[in-house]
Amino acid sequence: MKLEHDISVLISEEELDNKILELGTKISKDYEGKCVHLICILKGSIFFTCELAKRITVPVTLDFISVSSYGSGTVSSGSINIKKELDESIEGKDVIVIEDIIDSGRTLSFLIPMLKDRKPNSLKLCTMLDKPERREFGIQVDYNGFQIPDKFVVGYGLDYDQKYRNLPYIGVVHL
């Protein structure tokens, strides 16, 4: 694939596969005997959610929500917009919110309380990537893939102006 930008590999496809298997195994153990309801935050989390769901051995149901705070830039705009709402109720369900990356925590500080108000049996958070040095809001992460430095990353669902989602690795964009 010809890239418009200089992108260096931060996390390889093999490293991603290994970490997702590890997370799926842990979630399967934690939810043994239960059904887990995954809420994928679109669009960036779709690749991670699908691969994670395949590695969870307990029954899984899925729903999707689309929340945006970026637009076409590389820095959060600060305002949160729900673009697609959940299709079904989460009341009484064991829910895991699946996020691609947590940086400031702004989006999740809005989304998590909103979901808790819908009375799930339990609500946990799983992220593929975490940028703790960017955190502005306190967020409890229950299942964490990789901590990464404060760099703008793409691939494996993450994009730069809708480009590079289909890269099979996590890469740093050098603008």
N, C-alpha and C. Protein backbone atom coordinates (compact mmCIF):
# COMPACT_ATOMS: atom_id res chain seq x y z
N MET A 1 0.85 -1.17 0.00
CA MET A 1 0.00 0.00 0.00
C MET A 1 0.90 1.24 0.00
N LYS A 2 0.62 2.16 -0.91
CA LYS A 2 1.37 3.42 -0.96
C LYS A 2 0.76 4.38 0.07
N LEU A 3 1.61 4.89 0.94
CA LEU A 3 1.15 5.79 2.00
C LEU A 3 1.45 7.24 1.64
N GLU A 4 0.50 8.11 1.97
CA GLU A 4 0.69 9.54 1.72
C GLU A 4 1.60 10.19 2.76
N HIS A 5 1.71 9.57 3.92
CA HIS A 5 2.48 10.11 5.03
C HIS A 5 3.57 9.13 5.44
N ASP A 6 4.57 9.65 6.10
CA ASP A 6 5.62 8.79 6.66
C ASP A 6 5.07 8.18 7.95
N ILE A 7 4.97 6.85 7.97
CA ILE A 7 4.41 6.13 9.12
C ILE A 7 5.40 5.05 9.55
N SER A 8 5.77 5.07 10.82
CA SER A 8 6.66 4.04 11.35
C SER A 8 5.88 3.11 12.26
N VAL A 9 6.23 1.83 12.25
CA VAL A 9 5.54 0.82 13.05
C VAL A 9 5.85 1.03 14.53
N LEU A 10 4.81 1.15 15.34
CA LEU A 10 4.94 1.25 16.79
C LEU A 10 4.64 -0.11 17.43
N ILE A 11 3.55 -0.75 16.98
CA ILE A 11 3.15 -2.06 17.50
C ILE A 11 2.84 -2.94 16.30
N SER A 12 3.54 -4.05 16.19
CA SER A 12 3.40 -4.94 15.03
C SER A 12 2.09 -5.72 15.08
N GLU A 13 1.73 -6.28 13.94
CA GLU A 13 0.54 -7.12 13.85
C GLU A 13 0.64 -8.31 14.80
N GLU A 14 1.81 -8.91 14.89
CA GLU A 14 2.02 -10.05 15.79
C GLU A 14 1.84 -9.65 17.26
N GLU A 15 2.38 -8.49 17.63
CA GLU A 15 2.22 -8.01 19.01
C GLU A 15 0.74 -7.75 19.32
N LEU A 16 0.02 -7.18 18.36
CA LEU A 16 -1.42 -6.94 18.54
C LEU A 16 -2.16 -8.26 18.72
N ASP A 17 -1.88 -9.24 17.87
CA ASP A 17 -2.54 -10.55 17.97
C ASP A 17 -2.30 -11.18 19.34
N ASN A 18 -1.07 -11.13 19.81
CA ASN A 18 -0.74 -11.73 21.11
C ASN A 18 -1.46 -11.04 22.26
N LYS A 19 -1.50 -9.70 22.22
CA LYS A 19 -2.16 -8.94 23.29
C LYS A 19 -3.67 -9.18 23.27
N ILE A 20 -4.26 -9.23 22.09
CA ILE A 20 -5.71 -9.45 21.99
C ILE A 20 -6.07 -10.85 22.51
N LEU A 21 -5.25 -11.83 22.23
CA LEU A 21 -5.47 -13.18 22.78
C LEU A 21 -5.40 -13.14 24.30
N GLU A 22 -4.42 -12.43 24.84
CA GLU A 22 -4.27 -12.30 26.29
C GLU A 22 -5.51 -11.63 26.90
N LEU A 23 -5.99 -10.55 26.29
CA LEU A 23 -7.18 -9.86 26.80
C LEU A 23 -8.41 -10.76 26.70
N GLY A 24 -8.58 -11.45 25.57
CA GLY A 24 -9.72 -12.35 25.40
C GLY A 24 -9.73 -13.46 26.43
N THR A 25 -8.56 -13.99 26.74
CA THR A 25 -8.44 -15.04 27.75
C THR A 25 -8.83 -14.52 29.13
N LYS A 26 -8.37 -13.33 29.47
CA LYS A 26 -8.68 -12.73 30.78
C LYS A 26 -10.18 -12.45 30.89
N ILE A 27 -10.75 -11.86 29.85
CA ILE A 27 -12.19 -11.55 29.86
C ILE A 27 -12.99 -12.85 29.98
N SER A 28 -12.60 -13.89 29.25
CA SER A 28 -13.30 -15.18 29.30
C SER A 28 -13.29 -15.75 30.71
N LYS A 29 -12.15 -15.63 31.38
CA LYS A 29 -12.03 -16.12 32.76
C LYS A 29 -12.91 -15.29 33.70
N ASP A 30 -12.85 -13.96 33.55
CA ASP A 30 -13.61 -13.07 34.43
C ASP A 30 -15.13 -13.23 34.25
N TYR A 31 -15.58 -13.62 33.07
CA TYR A 31 -17.02 -13.72 32.78
C TYR A 31 -17.47 -15.17 32.61
N GLU A 32 -16.71 -16.10 33.16
CA GLU A 32 -17.06 -17.51 33.08
C GLU A 32 -18.49 -17.73 33.58
N GLY A 33 -19.29 -18.44 32.78
CA GLY A 33 -20.68 -18.72 33.16
C GLY A 33 -21.64 -17.60 32.84
N LYS A 34 -21.15 -16.53 32.22
CA LYS A 34 -22.01 -15.38 31.89
C LYS A 34 -21.93 -15.09 30.39
N CYS A 35 -22.79 -14.21 29.96
CA CYS A 35 -22.74 -13.65 28.60
C CYS A 35 -22.21 -12.24 28.74
N VAL A 36 -21.28 -11.87 27.90
CA VAL A 36 -20.73 -10.52 27.94
C VAL A 36 -21.24 -9.74 26.73
N HIS A 37 -21.66 -8.51 26.99
CA HIS A 37 -22.20 -7.63 25.95
C HIS A 37 -21.14 -6.58 25.63
N LEU A 38 -20.58 -6.65 24.43
CA LEU A 38 -19.55 -5.70 24.01
C LEU A 38 -20.18 -4.52 23.31
N ILE A 39 -19.78 -3.32 23.74
CA ILE A 39 -20.20 -2.10 23.04
C ILE A 39 -18.97 -1.54 22.35
N CYS A 40 -18.99 -1.62 21.04
CA CYS A 40 -17.90 -1.12 20.21
C CYS A 40 -18.12 0.36 19.92
N ILE A 41 -17.11 1.17 20.24
CA ILE A 41 -17.19 2.60 19.92
C ILE A 41 -16.65 2.77 18.50
N LEU A 42 -17.57 3.12 17.59
CA LEU A 42 -17.23 3.26 16.18
C LEU A 42 -16.53 4.59 15.92
N LYS A 43 -15.73 4.68 14.91
CA LYS A 43 -15.40 3.66 13.95
C LYS A 43 -14.09 2.98 14.33
N GLY A 44 -13.27 3.65 15.09
CA GLY A 44 -11.92 3.18 15.35
C GLY A 44 -11.80 1.85 16.04
N SER A 45 -12.78 1.46 16.84
CA SER A 45 -12.66 0.22 17.63
C SER A 45 -13.13 -1.03 16.91
N ILE A 46 -13.61 -0.90 15.69
CA ILE A 46 -14.23 -2.04 15.01
C ILE A 46 -13.26 -3.20 14.79
N PHE A 47 -12.04 -2.93 14.36
CA PHE A 47 -11.07 -4.00 14.12
C PHE A 47 -10.75 -4.71 15.45
N PHE A 48 -10.46 -3.93 16.47
CA PHE A 48 -10.13 -4.46 17.79
C PHE A 48 -11.29 -5.27 18.36
N THR A 49 -12.51 -4.74 18.27
CA THR A 49 -13.67 -5.42 18.81
C THR A 49 -13.89 -6.78 18.14
N CYS A 50 -13.81 -6.81 16.83
CA CYS A 50 -14.03 -8.07 16.10
C CYS A 50 -12.99 -9.11 16.47
N GLU A 51 -11.73 -8.72 16.51
CA GLU A 51 -10.66 -9.66 16.85
C GLU A 51 -10.77 -10.12 18.31
N LEU A 52 -11.12 -9.20 19.20
CA LEU A 52 -11.29 -9.55 20.61
C LEU A 52 -12.46 -10.52 20.79
N ALA A 53 -13.59 -10.24 20.15
CA ALA A 53 -14.78 -11.09 20.28
C ALA A 53 -14.47 -12.52 19.84
N LYS A 54 -13.64 -12.68 18.81
CA LYS A 54 -13.29 -14.03 18.32
C LYS A 54 -12.47 -14.80 19.35
N ARG A 55 -11.84 -14.10 20.27
CA ARG A 55 -10.96 -14.74 21.26
C ARG A 55 -11.61 -14.88 22.64
N ILE A 56 -12.84 -14.45 22.76
CA ILE A 56 -13.59 -14.60 24.02
C ILE A 56 -14.40 -15.89 23.91
N THR A 57 -14.27 -16.75 24.92
CA THR A 57 -14.88 -18.08 24.84
C THR A 57 -16.25 -18.18 25.50
N VAL A 58 -16.68 -17.13 26.21
CA VAL A 58 -18.04 -17.12 26.76
C VAL A 58 -18.96 -16.50 25.71
N PRO A 59 -20.28 -16.67 25.84
CA PRO A 59 -21.19 -16.06 24.87
C PRO A 59 -21.01 -14.54 24.81
N VAL A 60 -21.06 -14.01 23.59
CA VAL A 60 -20.85 -12.58 23.35
C VAL A 60 -22.02 -12.03 22.55
N THR A 61 -22.51 -10.87 22.95
CA THR A 61 -23.42 -10.09 22.13
C THR A 61 -22.74 -8.76 21.85
N LEU A 62 -23.16 -8.11 20.77
CA LEU A 62 -22.50 -6.88 20.34
C LEU A 62 -23.49 -5.76 20.08
N ASP A 63 -23.06 -4.56 20.33
CA ASP A 63 -23.79 -3.37 19.90
C ASP A 63 -22.76 -2.31 19.59
N PHE A 64 -23.21 -1.25 18.96
CA PHE A 64 -22.31 -0.21 18.47
C PHE A 64 -22.84 1.16 18.83
N ILE A 65 -21.90 2.04 19.16
CA ILE A 65 -22.23 3.44 19.39
C ILE A 65 -21.16 4.25 18.69
N SER A 66 -21.54 5.37 18.14
CA SER A 66 -20.56 6.23 17.49
C SER A 66 -20.52 7.57 18.21
N VAL A 67 -19.35 7.87 18.74
CA VAL A 67 -19.13 9.09 19.51
C VAL A 67 -17.91 9.77 18.92
N SER A 68 -18.01 11.06 18.69
CA SER A 68 -16.89 11.74 18.06
C SER A 68 -16.45 12.96 18.85
N SER A 69 -15.12 13.14 18.90
CA SER A 69 -14.59 14.38 19.47
C SER A 69 -13.41 14.88 18.65
N TYR A 70 -13.18 14.29 17.47
CA TYR A 70 -12.01 14.65 16.68
C TYR A 70 -12.32 15.41 15.39
N GLY A 71 -13.34 15.04 14.65
CA GLY A 71 -13.55 15.62 13.33
C GLY A 71 -12.43 15.15 12.41
N SER A 72 -11.82 16.06 11.67
CA SER A 72 -10.77 15.66 10.73
C SER A 72 -9.38 16.04 11.21
N GLY A 73 -9.24 16.47 12.46
CA GLY A 73 -7.94 16.90 12.97
C GLY A 73 -7.20 15.81 13.70
N THR A 74 -6.08 16.18 14.30
CA THR A 74 -5.27 15.24 15.05
C THR A 74 -5.38 15.49 16.55
N VAL A 75 -6.14 16.50 16.95
CA VAL A 75 -6.33 16.84 18.36
C VAL A 75 -7.82 16.92 18.63
N SER A 76 -8.24 16.42 19.78
CA SER A 76 -9.66 16.44 20.13
C SER A 76 -10.21 17.86 20.09
N SER A 77 -11.42 17.97 19.53
CA SER A 77 -12.08 19.27 19.44
C SER A 77 -12.62 19.72 20.79
N GLY A 78 -12.82 18.76 21.71
CA GLY A 78 -13.34 19.10 23.03
C GLY A 78 -14.83 18.91 23.15
N SER A 79 -15.57 18.89 22.05
CA SER A 79 -17.01 18.67 22.14
C SER A 79 -17.33 17.23 21.74
N ILE A 80 -18.29 16.63 22.45
CA ILE A 80 -18.65 15.23 22.24
C ILE A 80 -19.97 15.17 21.48
N ASN A 81 -20.00 14.39 20.42
CA ASN A 81 -21.22 14.21 19.63
C ASN A 81 -21.53 12.73 19.51
N ILE A 82 -22.77 12.34 19.84
CA ILE A 82 -23.20 10.97 19.59
C ILE A 82 -23.76 10.93 18.19
N LYS A 83 -23.12 10.15 17.32
CA LYS A 83 -23.53 10.06 15.92
C LYS A 83 -24.42 8.86 15.68
N LYS A 84 -24.25 7.79 16.49
CA LYS A 84 -25.09 6.60 16.40
C LYS A 84 -25.32 6.08 17.81
N GLU A 85 -26.56 5.90 18.16
CA GLU A 85 -26.95 5.42 19.48
C GLU A 85 -27.01 3.89 19.47
N LEU A 86 -26.97 3.29 20.65
CA LEU A 86 -27.11 1.83 20.78
C LEU A 86 -28.45 1.37 20.21
N ASP A 87 -28.46 0.13 19.70
CA ASP A 87 -29.70 -0.41 19.13
C ASP A 87 -30.59 -1.06 20.17
N GLU A 88 -30.00 -1.51 21.30
CA GLU A 88 -30.81 -2.20 22.30
C GLU A 88 -30.43 -1.76 23.71
N SER A 89 -31.30 -2.08 24.65
CA SER A 89 -31.09 -1.74 26.05
C SER A 89 -29.92 -2.55 26.62
N ILE A 90 -29.18 -1.94 27.56
CA ILE A 90 -28.12 -2.66 28.26
C ILE A 90 -28.53 -2.98 29.70
N GLU A 91 -29.76 -2.66 30.07
CA GLU A 91 -30.22 -2.91 31.43
C GLU A 91 -30.06 -4.38 31.79
N GLY A 92 -29.39 -4.63 32.94
CA GLY A 92 -29.20 -5.97 33.45
C GLY A 92 -28.09 -6.77 32.77
N LYS A 93 -27.40 -6.20 31.81
CA LYS A 93 -26.35 -6.93 31.08
C LYS A 93 -24.97 -6.65 31.67
N ASP A 94 -24.07 -7.60 31.47
CA ASP A 94 -22.66 -7.43 31.82
C ASP A 94 -21.98 -6.83 30.59
N VAL A 95 -21.64 -5.57 30.69
CA VAL A 95 -21.20 -4.78 29.53
C VAL A 95 -19.71 -4.46 29.63
N ILE A 96 -19.04 -4.58 28.48
CA ILE A 96 -17.67 -4.08 28.35
C ILE A 96 -17.67 -3.10 27.18
N VAL A 97 -17.28 -1.87 27.46
CA VAL A 97 -17.13 -0.85 26.43
C VAL A 97 -15.75 -1.06 25.81
N ILE A 98 -15.71 -1.15 24.48
CA ILE A 98 -14.46 -1.39 23.77
C ILE A 98 -14.04 -0.11 23.06
N GLU A 99 -12.87 0.39 23.45
CA GLU A 99 -12.33 1.64 22.90
C GLU A 99 -11.02 1.34 22.17
N ASP A 100 -10.75 2.09 21.12
CA ASP A 100 -9.49 1.90 20.40
C ASP A 100 -8.34 2.57 21.13
N ILE A 101 -8.54 3.81 21.59
CA ILE A 101 -7.47 4.56 22.24
C ILE A 101 -8.06 5.53 23.25
N ILE A 102 -7.41 5.64 24.40
CA ILE A 102 -7.80 6.62 25.41
C ILE A 102 -6.65 7.60 25.55
N ASP A 103 -6.94 8.87 25.28
CA ASP A 103 -5.91 9.88 25.53
C ASP A 103 -6.40 10.84 26.61
N SER A 104 -7.09 11.89 26.28
CA SER A 104 -7.53 12.84 27.32
C SER A 104 -8.55 12.20 28.26
N GLY A 105 -9.35 11.26 27.75
CA GLY A 105 -10.41 10.65 28.55
C GLY A 105 -11.72 11.42 28.46
N ARG A 106 -11.75 12.47 27.70
CA ARG A 106 -12.95 13.33 27.57
C ARG A 106 -14.16 12.55 27.07
N THR A 107 -13.99 11.79 25.99
CA THR A 107 -15.12 11.05 25.42
C THR A 107 -15.69 10.06 26.43
N LEU A 108 -14.82 9.30 27.07
CA LEU A 108 -15.29 8.29 28.03
C LEU A 108 -15.85 8.91 29.30
N SER A 109 -15.35 10.09 29.70
CA SER A 109 -15.90 10.75 30.89
C SER A 109 -17.34 11.19 30.64
N PHE A 110 -17.71 11.34 29.38
CA PHE A 110 -19.08 11.64 28.98
C PHE A 110 -19.89 10.34 28.82
N LEU A 111 -19.28 9.35 28.15
CA LEU A 111 -20.00 8.14 27.78
C LEU A 111 -20.26 7.18 28.94
N ILE A 112 -19.27 6.95 29.79
CA ILE A 112 -19.41 5.95 30.87
C ILE A 112 -20.56 6.31 31.83
N PRO A 113 -20.64 7.54 32.35
CA PRO A 113 -21.79 7.86 33.23
C PRO A 113 -23.14 7.73 32.51
N MET A 114 -23.18 8.08 31.23
CA MET A 114 -24.41 7.95 30.45
C MET A 114 -24.83 6.48 30.39
N LEU A 115 -23.86 5.58 30.16
CA LEU A 115 -24.17 4.15 30.09
C LEU A 115 -24.53 3.58 31.47
N LYS A 116 -23.86 4.04 32.53
CA LYS A 116 -24.20 3.58 33.88
C LYS A 116 -25.64 3.91 34.24
N ASP A 117 -26.13 5.06 33.77
CA ASP A 117 -27.51 5.46 34.02
C ASP A 117 -28.52 4.51 33.39
N ARG A 118 -28.08 3.68 32.46
CA ARG A 118 -28.96 2.73 31.77
C ARG A 118 -29.04 1.40 32.50
N LYS A 119 -28.47 1.32 33.69
CA LYS A 119 -28.60 0.20 34.63
C LYS A 119 -28.09 -1.16 34.12
N PRO A 120 -26.86 -1.20 33.60
CA PRO A 120 -26.30 -2.52 33.29
C PRO A 120 -25.99 -3.25 34.59
N ASN A 121 -25.91 -4.57 34.56
CA ASN A 121 -25.51 -5.35 35.73
C ASN A 121 -24.08 -4.97 36.13
N SER A 122 -23.21 -4.86 35.14
CA SER A 122 -21.83 -4.41 35.36
C SER A 122 -21.38 -3.66 34.13
N LEU A 123 -20.40 -2.78 34.31
CA LEU A 123 -19.89 -1.98 33.20
C LEU A 123 -18.38 -1.84 33.37
N LYS A 124 -17.65 -2.38 32.40
CA LYS A 124 -16.19 -2.30 32.41
C LYS A 124 -15.70 -1.69 31.11
N LEU A 125 -14.42 -1.34 31.12
CA LEU A 125 -13.82 -0.67 29.96
C LEU A 125 -12.59 -1.43 29.51
N CYS A 126 -12.50 -1.66 28.20
CA CYS A 126 -11.34 -2.31 27.59
C CYS A 126 -10.82 -1.39 26.49
N THR A 127 -9.52 -1.12 26.51
CA THR A 127 -8.93 -0.30 25.45
C THR A 127 -7.74 -1.01 24.83
N MET A 128 -7.58 -0.80 23.54
CA MET A 128 -6.42 -1.34 22.84
C MET A 128 -5.19 -0.52 23.17
N LEU A 129 -5.33 0.81 23.19
CA LEU A 129 -4.20 1.71 23.43
C LEU A 129 -4.55 2.73 24.50
N ASP A 130 -3.55 3.08 25.29
CA ASP A 130 -3.73 4.04 26.37
C ASP A 130 -2.56 5.03 26.34
N LYS A 131 -2.91 6.33 26.34
CA LYS A 131 -1.91 7.40 26.41
C LYS A 131 -2.06 8.11 27.76
N PRO A 132 -1.53 7.54 28.83
CA PRO A 132 -1.78 8.12 30.16
C PRO A 132 -1.23 9.54 30.34
N GLU A 133 -0.18 9.91 29.63
CA GLU A 133 0.37 11.26 29.81
C GLU A 133 -0.53 12.35 29.25
N ARG A 134 -1.53 11.98 28.45
CA ARG A 134 -2.48 12.95 27.90
C ARG A 134 -3.75 13.08 28.75
N ARG A 135 -3.88 12.26 29.79
CA ARG A 135 -5.12 12.17 30.54
C ARG A 135 -5.49 13.48 31.22
N GLU A 136 -6.70 13.92 30.98
CA GLU A 136 -7.28 15.10 31.63
C GLU A 136 -8.43 14.71 32.55
N PHE A 137 -9.02 13.53 32.31
CA PHE A 137 -10.17 13.06 33.06
C PHE A 137 -9.84 11.69 33.65
N GLY A 138 -10.24 11.47 34.90
CA GLY A 138 -9.99 10.18 35.54
C GLY A 138 -10.85 9.09 34.93
N ILE A 139 -10.19 8.10 34.35
CA ILE A 139 -10.90 6.99 33.70
C ILE A 139 -10.36 5.69 34.26
N GLN A 140 -11.26 4.81 34.70
CA GLN A 140 -10.90 3.48 35.20
C GLN A 140 -10.86 2.51 34.03
N VAL A 141 -9.68 2.00 33.68
CA VAL A 141 -9.53 1.03 32.60
C VAL A 141 -9.38 -0.35 33.21
N ASP A 142 -10.28 -1.25 32.84
CA ASP A 142 -10.27 -2.60 33.41
C ASP A 142 -9.41 -3.57 32.61
N TYR A 143 -9.38 -3.40 31.31
CA TYR A 143 -8.59 -4.26 30.42
C TYR A 143 -7.81 -3.35 29.48
N ASN A 144 -6.48 -3.36 29.64
CA ASN A 144 -5.63 -2.42 28.90
C ASN A 144 -4.68 -3.18 28.00
N GLY A 145 -4.69 -2.83 26.71
CA GLY A 145 -3.79 -3.44 25.76
C GLY A 145 -2.37 -2.93 25.91
N PHE A 146 -2.09 -1.76 25.35
CA PHE A 146 -0.75 -1.19 25.35
C PHE A 146 -0.78 0.26 25.83
N GLN A 147 0.19 0.63 26.66
CA GLN A 147 0.42 2.04 26.96
C GLN A 147 1.38 2.55 25.90
N ILE A 148 1.05 3.70 25.32
CA ILE A 148 1.88 4.25 24.25
C ILE A 148 2.25 5.69 24.57
N PRO A 149 3.31 6.18 23.93
CA PRO A 149 3.71 7.58 24.14
C PRO A 149 2.72 8.52 23.44
N ASP A 150 2.84 9.80 23.74
CA ASP A 150 1.95 10.81 23.18
C ASP A 150 2.35 11.12 21.73
N LYS A 151 2.01 10.20 20.85
CA LYS A 151 2.25 10.33 19.41
C LYS A 151 0.93 10.11 18.70
N PHE A 152 0.78 10.69 17.51
CA PHE A 152 -0.45 10.46 16.75
C PHE A 152 -0.31 9.16 15.97
N VAL A 153 -1.20 8.20 16.28
CA VAL A 153 -1.09 6.86 15.73
C VAL A 153 -2.27 6.51 14.82
N VAL A 154 -1.99 5.61 13.88
CA VAL A 154 -3.00 5.12 12.94
C VAL A 154 -2.85 3.62 12.80
N GLY A 155 -3.82 3.03 12.12
CA GLY A 155 -3.79 1.60 11.83
C GLY A 155 -4.68 0.81 12.76
N TYR A 156 -5.04 -0.38 12.32
CA TYR A 156 -5.87 -1.29 13.10
C TYR A 156 -7.17 -0.60 13.57
N GLY A 157 -7.73 0.20 12.67
CA GLY A 157 -8.98 0.90 12.95
C GLY A 157 -8.82 2.39 13.20
N LEU A 158 -7.64 2.80 13.65
CA LEU A 158 -7.38 4.22 13.91
C LEU A 158 -7.05 4.93 12.60
N ASP A 159 -7.53 6.15 12.47
CA ASP A 159 -7.37 6.85 11.19
C ASP A 159 -6.78 8.24 11.33
N TYR A 160 -6.36 8.75 10.22
CA TYR A 160 -6.01 10.17 10.06
C TYR A 160 -6.86 10.65 8.91
N ASP A 161 -7.91 11.41 9.24
CA ASP A 161 -8.85 11.92 8.24
C ASP A 161 -9.39 10.78 7.36
N GLN A 162 -9.80 9.69 8.00
CA GLN A 162 -10.38 8.49 7.39
C GLN A 162 -9.39 7.62 6.62
N LYS A 163 -8.11 7.92 6.69
CA LYS A 163 -7.09 7.11 6.00
C LYS A 163 -6.37 6.22 7.02
N TYR A 164 -5.84 5.12 6.52
CA TYR A 164 -4.94 4.20 7.25
C TYR A 164 -5.62 3.27 8.24
N ARG A 165 -6.95 3.25 8.32
CA ARG A 165 -7.63 2.33 9.24
C ARG A 165 -7.23 0.88 8.96
N ASN A 166 -6.99 0.56 7.70
CA ASN A 166 -6.77 -0.83 7.30
C ASN A 166 -5.32 -1.29 7.44
N LEU A 167 -4.44 -0.48 7.98
CA LEU A 167 -3.08 -0.96 8.26
C LEU A 167 -3.17 -2.06 9.31
N PRO A 168 -2.42 -3.17 9.15
CA PRO A 168 -2.54 -4.28 10.10
C PRO A 168 -1.70 -4.10 11.36
N TYR A 169 -1.14 -2.93 11.57
CA TYR A 169 -0.30 -2.61 12.72
C TYR A 169 -0.66 -1.22 13.22
N ILE A 170 -0.09 -0.84 14.36
CA ILE A 170 -0.24 0.52 14.87
C ILE A 170 1.02 1.28 14.47
N GLY A 171 0.83 2.39 13.78
CA GLY A 171 1.96 3.18 13.32
C GLY A 171 1.88 4.62 13.77
N VAL A 172 3.04 5.25 13.90
CA VAL A 172 3.12 6.67 14.24
C VAL A 172 3.19 7.47 12.95
N VAL A 173 2.31 8.47 12.84
CA VAL A 173 2.31 9.35 11.68
C VAL A 173 3.30 10.47 11.94
N HIS A 174 4.24 10.66 11.02
CA HIS A 174 5.21 11.75 11.12
C HIS A 174 4.75 12.85 10.17
N LEU A 175 4.11 13.86 10.74
CA LEU A 175 3.55 14.96 9.93
C LEU A 175 4.58 16.05 9.71
